[in-house]
PDB file of N, CA and C in Angstrom:
ATOM      1  N   MET A   1      40.694  32.372  55.949  1.00  0.00           N
ATOM      2  CA  MET A   1      39.375  32.635  55.419  1.00  0.00           C
ATOM      3  C   MET A   1      38.712  33.811  56.135  1.00  0.00           C
ATOM      4  N   VAL A   2      39.168  34.119  57.333  1.00  0.00           N
ATOM      5  CA  VAL A   2      38.592  35.225  58.092  1.00  0.00           C
ATOM      6  C   VAL A   2      38.697  36.526  57.316  1.00  0.00           C
ATOM      7  N   TYR A   3      39.763  36.684  56.532  1.00  0.00           N
ATOM      8  CA  TYR A   3      40.024  37.934  55.827  1.00  0.00           C
ATOM      9  C   TYR A   3      39.627  37.886  54.355  1.00  0.00           C
ATOM     10  N   LEU A   4      38.847  36.909  53.947  1.00  0.00           N
ATOM     11  CA  LEU A   4      38.426  36.778  52.557  1.00  0.00           C
ATOM     12  C   LEU A   4      37.733  38.056  52.101  1.00  0.00           C
ATOM     13  N   GLY A   5      38.279  38.675  51.054  1.00  0.00           N
ATOM     14  CA  GLY A   5      37.707  39.906  50.529  1.00  0.00           C
ATOM     15  C   GLY A   5      38.031  41.152  51.342  1.00  0.00           C
ATOM     16  N   GLN A   6      38.914  41.003  52.325  1.00  0.00           N
ATOM     17  CA  GLN A   6      39.270  42.122  53.198  1.00  0.00           C
ATOM     18  C   GLN A   6      40.781  42.358  53.157  1.00  0.00           C
ATOM     19  N   GLN A   7      41.261  42.742  51.990  1.00  0.00           N
ATOM     20  CA  GLN A   7      42.701  42.897  51.765  1.00  0.00           C
ATOM     21  C   GLN A   7      43.348  43.858  52.764  1.00  0.00           C
ATOM     22  N   GLN A   8      42.738  45.007  53.009  1.00  0.00           N
ATOM     23  CA  GLN A   8      43.338  45.981  53.927  1.00  0.00           C
ATOM     24  C   GLN A   8      43.427  45.427  55.341  1.00  0.00           C
ATOM     25  N   ALA A   9      42.402  44.739  55.791  1.00  0.00           N
ATOM     26  CA  ALA A   9      42.417  44.157  57.134  1.00  0.00           C
ATOM     27  C   ALA A   9      43.486  43.067  57.230  1.00  0.00           C
ATOM     28  N   LEU A  10      43.627  42.264  56.179  1.00  0.00           N
ATOM     29  CA  LEU A  10      44.658  41.218  56.163  1.00  0.00           C
ATOM     30  C   LEU A  10      46.047  41.843  56.196  1.00  0.00           C
ATOM     31  N   ASN A  11      46.272  42.865  55.387  1.00  0.00           N
ATOM     32  CA  ASN A  11      47.572  43.541  55.390  1.00  0.00           C
ATOM     33  C   ASN A  11      47.883  44.109  56.774  1.00  0.00           C
ATOM     34  N   ALA A  12      46.898  44.715  57.419  1.00  0.00           N
ATOM     35  CA  ALA A  12      47.102  45.293  58.751  1.00  0.00           C
ATOM     36  C   ALA A  12      47.446  44.203  59.766  1.00  0.00           C
ATOM     37  N   MET A  13      46.769  43.062  59.696  1.00  0.00           N
ATOM     38  CA  MET A  13      47.044  41.955  60.617  1.00  0.00           C
ATOM     39  C   MET A  13      48.455  41.422  60.418  1.00  0.00           C
ATOM     40  N   LEU A  14      48.880  41.267  59.153  1.00  0.00           N
ATOM     41  CA  LEU A  14      50.230  40.775  58.882  1.00  0.00           C
ATOM     42  C   LEU A  14      51.269  41.740  59.444  1.00  0.00           C
ATOM     43  N   GLU A  15      51.055  43.025  59.229  1.00  0.00           N
ATOM     44  CA  GLU A  15      51.999  44.018  59.744  1.00  0.00           C
ATOM     45  C   GLU A  15      52.059  43.997  61.268  1.00  0.00           C
ATOM     46  N   ARG A  16      50.905  43.886  61.916  1.00  0.00           N
ATOM     47  CA  ARG A  16      50.859  43.816  63.393  1.00  0.00           C
ATOM     48  C   ARG A  16      51.619  42.606  63.927  1.00  0.00           C
ATOM     49  N   ASN A  17      51.665  41.542  63.125  1.00  0.00           N
ATOM     50  CA  ASN A  17      52.309  40.304  63.556  1.00  0.00           C
ATOM     51  C   ASN A  17      53.743  40.172  63.073  1.00  0.00           C
ATOM     52  N   GLY A  18      54.360  41.290  62.689  1.00  0.00           N
ATOM     53  CA  GLY A  18      55.779  41.285  62.376  1.00  0.00           C
ATOM     54  C   GLY A  18      56.153  40.937  60.950  1.00  0.00           C
ATOM     55  N   PHE A  19      55.178  40.788  60.069  1.00  0.00           N
ATOM     56  CA  PHE A  19      55.477  40.513  58.672  1.00  0.00           C
ATOM     57  C   PHE A  19      55.908  41.807  57.986  1.00  0.00           C
ATOM     58  N   LYS A  20      56.846  41.689  57.058  1.00  0.00           N
ATOM     59  CA  LYS A  20      57.344  42.818  56.269  1.00  0.00           C
ATOM     60  C   LYS A  20      57.131  42.508  54.793  1.00  0.00           C
ATOM     61  N   ILE A  21      56.807  43.531  54.013  1.00  0.00           N
ATOM     62  CA  ILE A  21      56.629  43.339  52.575  1.00  0.00           C
ATOM     63  C   ILE A  21      57.986  43.079  51.936  1.00  0.00           C
ATOM     64  N   LEU A  22      58.049  42.024  51.135  1.00  0.00           N
ATOM     65  CA  LEU A  22      59.280  41.691  50.420  1.00  0.00           C
ATOM     66  C   LEU A  22      59.451  42.610  49.211  1.00  0.00           C
ATOM     67  N   PRO A  23      60.698  42.890  48.827  1.00  0.00           N
ATOM     68  CA  PRO A  23      60.930  43.649  47.595  1.00  0.00           C
ATOM     69  C   PRO A  23      60.340  42.896  46.398  1.00  0.00           C
ATOM     70  N   VAL A  24      60.047  43.630  45.329  1.00  0.00           N
ATOM     71  CA  VAL A  24      59.407  43.052  44.146  1.00  0.00           C
ATOM     72  C   VAL A  24      60.173  41.836  43.627  1.00  0.00           C
ATOM     73  N   ASP A  25      61.497  41.929  43.516  1.00  0.00           N
ATOM     74  CA  ASP A  25      62.268  40.801  42.973  1.00  0.00           C
ATOM     75  C   ASP A  25      62.195  39.575  43.877  1.00  0.00           C
ATOM     76  N   ALA A  26      62.155  39.777  45.175  1.00  0.00           N
ATOM     77  CA  ALA A  26      62.062  38.651  46.114  1.00  0.00           C
ATOM     78  C   ALA A  26      60.651  38.068  46.159  1.00  0.00           C
ATOM     79  N   SER A  27      59.651  38.851  45.756  1.00  0.00           N
ATOM     80  CA  SER A  27      58.252  38.400  45.778  1.00  0.00           C
ATOM     81  C   SER A  27      57.894  37.534  44.578  1.00  0.00           C
ATOM     82  N   ALA A  28      58.660  37.636  43.504  1.00  0.00           N
ATOM     83  CA  ALA A  28      58.312  37.007  42.227  1.00  0.00           C
ATOM     84  C   ALA A  28      58.004  35.517  42.352  1.00  0.00           C
ATOM     85  N   ASP A  29      58.805  34.766  43.080  1.00  0.00           N
ATOM     86  CA  ASP A  29      58.580  33.323  43.213  1.00  0.00           C
ATOM     87  C   ASP A  29      57.245  33.014  43.883  1.00  0.00           C
ATOM     88  N   TYR A  30      56.850  33.841  44.806  1.00  0.00           N
ATOM     89  CA  TYR A  30      55.613  33.595  45.555  1.00  0.00           C
ATOM     90  C   TYR A  30      54.373  34.049  44.792  1.00  0.00           C
ATOM     91  N   LEU A  31      54.535  35.003  43.892  1.00  0.00           N
ATOM     92  CA  LEU A  31      53.397  35.531  43.136  1.00  0.00           C
ATOM     93  C   LEU A  31      53.210  34.823  41.797  1.00  0.00           C
ATOM     94  N   GLN A  32      54.144  33.982  41.413  1.00  0.00           N
ATOM     95  CA  GLN A  32      54.063  33.131  40.230  1.00  0.00           C
ATOM     96  C   GLN A  32      53.682  33.892  38.963  1.00  0.00           C
ATOM     97  N   GLY A  33      54.395  34.991  38.718  1.00  0.00           N
ATOM     98  CA  GLY A  33      54.209  35.725  37.479  1.00  0.00           C
ATOM     99  C   GLY A  33      53.042  36.695  37.454  1.00  0.00           C
ATOM    100  N   THR A  34      52.363  36.881  38.572  1.00  0.00           N
ATOM    101  CA  THR A  34      51.263  37.837  38.629  1.00  0.00           C
ATOM    102  C   THR A  34      51.665  39.010  39.519  1.00  0.00           C
ATOM    103  N   THR A  35      50.850  40.033  39.530  1.00  0.00           N
ATOM    104  CA  THR A  35      51.121  41.165  40.409  1.00  0.00           C
ATOM    105  C   THR A  35      50.538  40.898  41.789  1.00  0.00           C
ATOM    106  N   GLY A  36      51.077  41.594  42.769  1.00  0.00           N
ATOM    107  CA  GLY A  36      50.614  41.441  44.143  1.00  0.00           C
ATOM    108  C   GLY A  36      51.748  41.786  45.091  1.00  0.00           C
ATOM    109  N   ILE A  37      51.615  41.312  46.324  1.00  0.00           N
ATOM    110  CA  ILE A  37      52.677  41.534  47.311  1.00  0.00           C
ATOM    111  C   ILE A  37      52.911  40.242  48.083  1.00  0.00           C
ATOM    112  N   ALA A  38      54.111  40.133  48.601  1.00  0.00           N
ATOM    113  CA  ALA A  38      54.447  38.990  49.458  1.00  0.00           C
ATOM    114  C   ALA A  38      54.975  39.550  50.777  1.00  0.00           C
ATOM    115  N   TRP A  39      54.461  39.010  51.845  1.00  0.00           N
ATOM    116  CA  TRP A  39      54.866  39.386  53.201  1.00  0.00           C
ATOM    117  C   TRP A  39      55.692  38.248  53.778  1.00  0.00           C
ATOM    118  N   ALA A  40      56.748  38.561  54.519  1.00  0.00           N
ATOM    119  CA  ALA A  40      57.578  37.525  55.141  1.00  0.00           C
ATOM    120  C   ALA A  40      57.830  37.868  56.599  1.00  0.00           C
ATOM    121  N   ALA A  41      57.928  36.829  57.414  1.00  0.00           N
ATOM    122  CA  ALA A  41      58.246  37.031  58.824  1.00  0.00           C
ATOM    123  C   ALA A  41      59.106  35.882  59.316  1.00  0.00           C
ATOM    124  N   PRO A  42      60.281  36.211  59.822  1.00  0.00           N
ATOM    125  CA  PRO A  42      61.087  35.163  60.449  1.00  0.00           C
ATOM    126  C   PRO A  42      60.456  34.773  61.777  1.00  0.00           C
ATOM    127  N   ARG A  43      60.507  33.531  62.073  1.00  0.00           N
ATOM    128  CA  ARG A  43      60.011  33.001  63.341  1.00  0.00           C
ATOM    129  C   ARG A  43      61.083  32.102  63.925  1.00  0.00           C
ATOM    130  N   SER A  44      60.919  31.706  65.145  1.00  0.00           N
ATOM    131  CA  SER A  44      61.926  30.866  65.792  1.00  0.00           C
ATOM    132  C   SER A  44      62.117  29.538  65.057  1.00  0.00           C
ATOM    133  N   LEU A  45      61.082  29.051  64.382  1.00  0.00           N
ATOM    134  CA  LEU A  45      61.160  27.769  63.697  1.00  0.00           C
ATOM    135  C   LEU A  45      61.592  27.880  62.235  1.00  0.00           C
ATOM    136  N   GLY A  46      61.570  29.055  61.660  1.00  0.00           N
ATOM    137  CA  GLY A  46      61.870  29.239  60.245  1.00  0.00           C
ATOM    138  C   GLY A  46      61.303  30.553  59.773  1.00  0.00           C
ATOM    139  N   GLU A  47      60.815  30.585  58.539  1.00  0.00           N
ATOM    140  CA  GLU A  47      60.246  31.816  58.005  1.00  0.00           C
ATOM    141  C   GLU A  47      58.932  31.507  57.295  1.00  0.00           C
ATOM    142  N   TRP A  48      57.922  32.331  57.556  1.00  0.00           N
ATOM    143  CA  TRP A  48      56.634  32.231  56.877  1.00  0.00           C
ATOM    144  C   TRP A  48      56.574  33.312  55.815  1.00  0.00           C
ATOM    145  N   VAL A  49      56.033  32.995  54.650  1.00  0.00           N
ATOM    146  CA  VAL A  49      55.792  33.978  53.597  1.00  0.00           C
ATOM    147  C   VAL A  49      54.337  33.835  53.169  1.00  0.00           C
ATOM    148  N   VAL A  50      53.644  34.973  53.092  1.00  0.00           N
ATOM    149  CA  VAL A  50      52.265  35.005  52.617  1.00  0.00           C
ATOM    150  C   VAL A  50      52.267  35.748  51.296  1.00  0.00           C
ATOM    151  N   GLY A  51      51.879  35.065  50.224  1.00  0.00           N
ATOM    152  CA  GLY A  51      51.791  35.671  48.903  1.00  0.00           C
ATOM    153  C   GLY A  51      50.355  36.080  48.636  1.00  0.00           C
ATOM    154  N   LEU A  52      50.131  37.357  48.376  1.00  0.00           N
ATOM    155  CA  LEU A  52      48.795  37.892  48.092  1.00  0.00           C
ATOM    156  C   LEU A  52      48.779  38.428  46.672  1.00  0.00           C
ATOM    157  N   ARG A  53      48.195  37.661  45.768  1.00  0.00           N
ATOM    158  CA  ARG A  53      48.144  38.070  44.369  1.00  0.00           C
ATOM    159  C   ARG A  53      46.962  39.003  44.130  1.00  0.00           C
ATOM    160  N   ASP A  54      47.122  39.898  43.170  1.00  0.00           N
ATOM    161  CA  ASP A  54      46.057  40.849  42.858  1.00  0.00           C
ATOM    162  C   ASP A  54      44.805  40.182  42.295  1.00  0.00           C
ATOM    163  N   ASP A  55      44.923  38.931  41.848  1.00  0.00           N
ATOM    164  CA  ASP A  55      43.743  38.226  41.342  1.00  0.00           C
ATOM    165  C   ASP A  55      42.917  37.599  42.467  1.00  0.00           C
ATOM    166  N   GLY A  56      43.307  37.864  43.722  1.00  0.00           N
ATOM    167  CA  GLY A  56      42.556  37.367  44.867  1.00  0.00           C
ATOM    168  C   GLY A  56      43.088  36.066  45.448  1.00  0.00           C
ATOM    169  N   THR A  57      44.082  35.463  44.806  1.00  0.00           N
ATOM    170  CA  THR A  57      44.667  34.222  45.284  1.00  0.00           C
ATOM    171  C   THR A  57      45.672  34.518  46.395  1.00  0.00           C
ATOM    172  N   CYS A  58      45.673  33.670  47.397  1.00  0.00           N
ATOM    173  CA  CYS A  58      46.581  33.827  48.537  1.00  0.00           C
ATOM    174  C   CYS A  58      47.207  32.467  48.825  1.00  0.00           C
ATOM    175  N   ALA A  59      48.460  32.474  49.229  1.00  0.00           N
ATOM    176  CA  ALA A  59      49.132  31.230  49.600  1.00  0.00           C
ATOM    177  C   ALA A  59      50.094  31.498  50.748  1.00  0.00           C
ATOM    178  N   VAL A  60      50.264  30.501  51.601  1.00  0.00           N
ATOM    179  CA  VAL A  60      51.201  30.590  52.716  1.00  0.00           C
ATOM    180  C   VAL A  60      52.330  29.602  52.459  1.00  0.00           C
ATOM    181  N   PHE A  61      53.559  30.080  52.608  1.00  0.00           N
ATOM    182  CA  PHE A  61      54.745  29.265  52.383  1.00  0.00           C
ATOM    183  C   PHE A  61      55.546  29.187  53.680  1.00  0.00           C
ATOM    184  N   ALA A  62      56.144  28.042  53.933  1.00  0.00           N
ATOM    185  CA  ALA A  62      57.046  27.873  55.074  1.00  0.00           C
ATOM    186  C   ALA A  62      58.429  27.594  54.506  1.00  0.00           C
ATOM    187  N   ARG A  63      59.410  28.375  54.936  1.00  0.00           N
ATOM    188  CA  ARG A  63      60.783  28.190  54.459  1.00  0.00           C
ATOM    189  C   ARG A  63      61.681  27.829  55.635  1.00  0.00           C
ATOM    190  N   ARG A  64      62.629  26.953  55.353  1.00  0.00           N
ATOM    191  CA  ARG A  64      63.626  26.553  56.356  1.00  0.00           C
ATOM    192  C   ARG A  64      62.963  26.089  57.650  1.00  0.00           C
ATOM    193  N   ILE A  65      62.096  25.128  57.538  1.00  0.00           N
ATOM    194  CA  ILE A  65      61.355  24.661  58.709  1.00  0.00           C
ATOM    195  C   ILE A  65      61.039  23.171  58.542  1.00  0.00           C
ATOM    196  N   ARG A  66      61.049  22.451  59.643  1.00  0.00           N
ATOM    197  CA  ARG A  66      60.728  21.017  59.605  1.00  0.00           C
ATOM    198  C   ARG A  66      59.218  20.826  59.470  1.00  0.00           C
ATOM    199  N   GLU A  67      58.794  19.751  58.793  1.00  0.00           N
ATOM    200  CA  GLU A  67      57.381  19.496  58.539  1.00  0.00           C
ATOM    201  C   GLU A  67      56.554  19.450  59.824  1.00  0.00           C
ATOM    202  N   ALA A  68      57.024  18.774  60.839  1.00  0.00           N
ATOM    203  CA  ALA A  68      56.272  18.679  62.101  1.00  0.00           C
ATOM    204  C   ALA A  68      56.096  20.054  62.749  1.00  0.00           C
ATOM    205  N   ASP A  69      57.138  20.891  62.638  1.00  0.00           N
ATOM    206  CA  ASP A  69      57.051  22.229  63.182  1.00  0.00           C
ATOM    207  C   ASP A  69      56.072  23.090  62.403  1.00  0.00           C
ATOM    208  N   VAL A  70      55.998  22.880  61.083  1.00  0.00           N
ATOM    209  CA  VAL A  70      55.029  23.603  60.259  1.00  0.00           C
ATOM    210  C   VAL A  70      53.622  23.308  60.744  1.00  0.00           C
ATOM    211  N   GLN A  71      53.293  22.032  60.890  1.00  0.00           N
ATOM    212  CA  GLN A  71      51.950  21.648  61.305  1.00  0.00           C
ATOM    213  C   GLN A  71      51.605  22.208  62.673  1.00  0.00           C
ATOM    214  N   SER A  72      52.510  22.101  63.603  1.00  0.00           N
ATOM    215  CA  SER A  72      52.276  22.587  64.952  1.00  0.00           C
ATOM    216  C   SER A  72      52.080  24.108  64.970  1.00  0.00           C
ATOM    217  N   SER A  73      52.926  24.817  64.253  1.00  0.00           N
ATOM    218  CA  SER A  73      52.835  26.267  64.197  1.00  0.00           C
ATOM    219  C   SER A  73      51.581  26.725  63.478  1.00  0.00           C
ATOM    220  N   PHE A  74      51.247  26.052  62.373  1.00  0.00           N
ATOM    221  CA  PHE A  74      50.073  26.421  61.594  1.00  0.00           C
ATOM    222  C   PHE A  74      48.807  26.188  62.423  1.00  0.00           C
ATOM    223  N   ASP A  75      48.763  25.092  63.169  1.00  0.00           N
ATOM    224  CA  ASP A  75      47.617  24.812  64.031  1.00  0.00           C
ATOM    225  C   ASP A  75      47.415  25.924  65.048  1.00  0.00           C
ATOM    226  N   GLY A  76      48.527  26.534  65.485  1.00  0.00           N
ATOM    227  CA  GLY A  76      48.452  27.606  66.465  1.00  0.00           C
ATOM    228  C   GLY A  76      47.916  28.917  65.913  1.00  0.00           C
ATOM    229  N   LEU A  77      47.916  29.067  64.583  1.00  0.00           N
ATOM    230  CA  LEU A  77      47.397  30.299  63.990  1.00  0.00           C
ATOM    231  C   LEU A  77      45.895  30.359  64.171  1.00  0.00           C
TER     232      LEU A  77
END
């Protein structure tokens, strides 16, 4: 919520934290048929993906990670 309405600042923060923009074909699942970009970053526990749709919707996905580790890692953000 800190970056609500601040797309450029959010993109800069993701890049500073090691996230990389996914190719268009790899972003499709995260953008659910809309335009936008998806950022991904491997972490020691798995991989985080942030989907930023052009309609202003944002979602965070955790891939290849245990549920308890997701909660612990997310709390640390």
